[in-house]
Protein backbone atom coordinates (compact mmCIF):
# COMPACT_ATOMS: atom_id res chain seq x y z
CA MET A 1 14.44 9.30 -12.22
CA SER A 2 14.88 7.64 -15.64
CA LYS A 3 11.88 6.19 -17.48
CA PRO A 4 13.04 2.52 -17.40
CA PHE A 5 13.38 2.76 -13.63
CA ARG A 6 9.93 4.28 -13.29
CA LEU A 7 8.51 1.36 -15.24
CA LEU A 8 10.49 -1.38 -13.53
CA ALA A 9 10.25 -0.19 -9.90
CA PRO A 10 6.53 -0.94 -9.52
CA ALA A 11 6.94 -4.35 -11.18
CA ALA A 12 9.84 -5.18 -8.85
CA ALA A 13 7.85 -4.19 -5.86
CA ALA A 14 4.90 -6.27 -6.94
CA LEU A 15 7.10 -9.33 -7.49
CA ALA A 16 8.76 -8.85 -4.10
CA LEU A 17 5.32 -8.69 -2.34
CA ALA A 18 4.05 -11.67 -4.27
CA ALA A 19 6.96 -13.97 -3.32
CA PRO A 20 5.85 -16.82 -1.06
CA ALA A 21 7.13 -17.05 2.49
CA ALA A 22 9.63 -19.78 3.34
CA HIS A 23 8.37 -22.73 5.38
CA GLY A 24 10.87 -24.21 7.79
CA MET A 25 11.09 -27.90 8.62
CA PRO A 26 12.63 -29.25 11.84
CA ALA A 27 16.07 -30.81 11.50
CA ILE A 28 16.19 -34.57 11.91
CA ASP A 29 19.33 -36.07 13.44
CA PRO A 30 21.06 -38.59 11.12
CA PRO A 31 21.17 -42.19 12.30
CA SER A 32 24.07 -43.03 14.55
CA THR A 33 26.73 -45.45 13.38
CA SER A 34 27.29 -46.93 16.86
CA SER A 35 26.41 -50.57 17.58
CA THR A 36 23.43 -49.68 19.79
CA HIS A 37 20.11 -49.34 18.11
CA ALA A 38 17.81 -46.52 19.15
CA VAL A 39 14.13 -46.44 18.64
CA VAL A 40 13.11 -43.29 16.80
CA ALA A 41 9.60 -42.00 17.05
CA ALA A 42 7.74 -41.04 13.86
CA PRO A 43 6.92 -37.29 13.60
CA ALA A 44 3.45 -36.26 14.51
CA PRO A 45 1.09 -35.95 11.61
CA ALA A 46 0.10 -32.48 10.39
CA PRO A 47 -3.15 -31.11 11.72
CA ALA A 48 -6.22 -31.66 9.50
CA PRO A 49 -7.21 -28.74 7.36
CA GLU A 50 -10.29 -26.62 8.05
CA ALA A 51 -13.69 -27.77 6.85
CA ASP A 52 -13.77 -25.80 3.57
CA GLY A 53 -9.96 -25.66 3.07
CA PHE A 54 -9.93 -22.00 2.00
CA ASP A 55 -8.41 -19.28 4.15
CA TRP A 56 -10.54 -16.23 3.64
CA GLY A 57 -8.18 -14.00 5.70
CA SER A 58 -5.24 -14.73 3.42
CA ALA A 59 -7.40 -14.20 0.36
CA ALA A 60 -8.53 -10.81 1.68
CA ILE A 61 -4.85 -9.80 2.36
CA GLY A 62 -3.84 -10.86 -1.10
CA ALA A 63 -6.71 -8.98 -2.77
CA GLY A 64 -5.85 -5.84 -0.80
CA VAL A 65 -2.20 -6.02 -1.74
CA ALA A 66 -3.07 -6.61 -5.41
CA GLY A 67 -5.47 -3.61 -5.30
CA LEU A 68 -2.75 -1.40 -3.83
CA VAL A 69 -0.27 -2.49 -6.49
CA VAL A 70 -2.75 -1.62 -9.27
CA LEU A 71 -3.57 1.75 -7.74
CA LEU A 72 0.09 2.59 -7.21
CA SER A 73 1.09 1.47 -10.71
CA GLY A 74 -1.71 3.51 -12.19
CA GLY A 75 -0.62 6.56 -10.14
CA VAL A 76 2.95 6.20 -11.32
CA ALA A 77 1.78 5.89 -14.91
CA MET A 78 -0.41 8.98 -14.69
CA ALA A 79 2.28 11.02 -12.97
CA GLY A 80 4.73 10.03 -15.72
CA ARG A 81 2.36 11.14 -18.45
CA ALA A 82 1.69 14.51 -16.73
CA ARG A 83 5.42 15.38 -16.78
CA VAL A 84 5.90 14.80 -20.50
CA PRO A 85 6.18 18.19 -22.31
CA SER A 86 4.14 18.79 -25.38
CA THR A 87 5.99 18.37 -28.71
CA ARG A 88 3.93 21.01 -30.56
């Protein structure tokens, strides 16, 4: 494996894991062009956030993933240094 690939692979993996998930929205039918008028109900409001507004479970998952990325990047860096022959 070439040196640039060894350096870029952990960074690419970290960026892929850090990408936010997509949030889908329900499709809303366009208004009809017919002469009849239909009453359209407004969408229900979003539920109220929790009391403190901070999701500790998501924070723990994020910290765990960040810790793994740091450990794996350090391991790759140390393994790369161990394979370099001496120039003496």
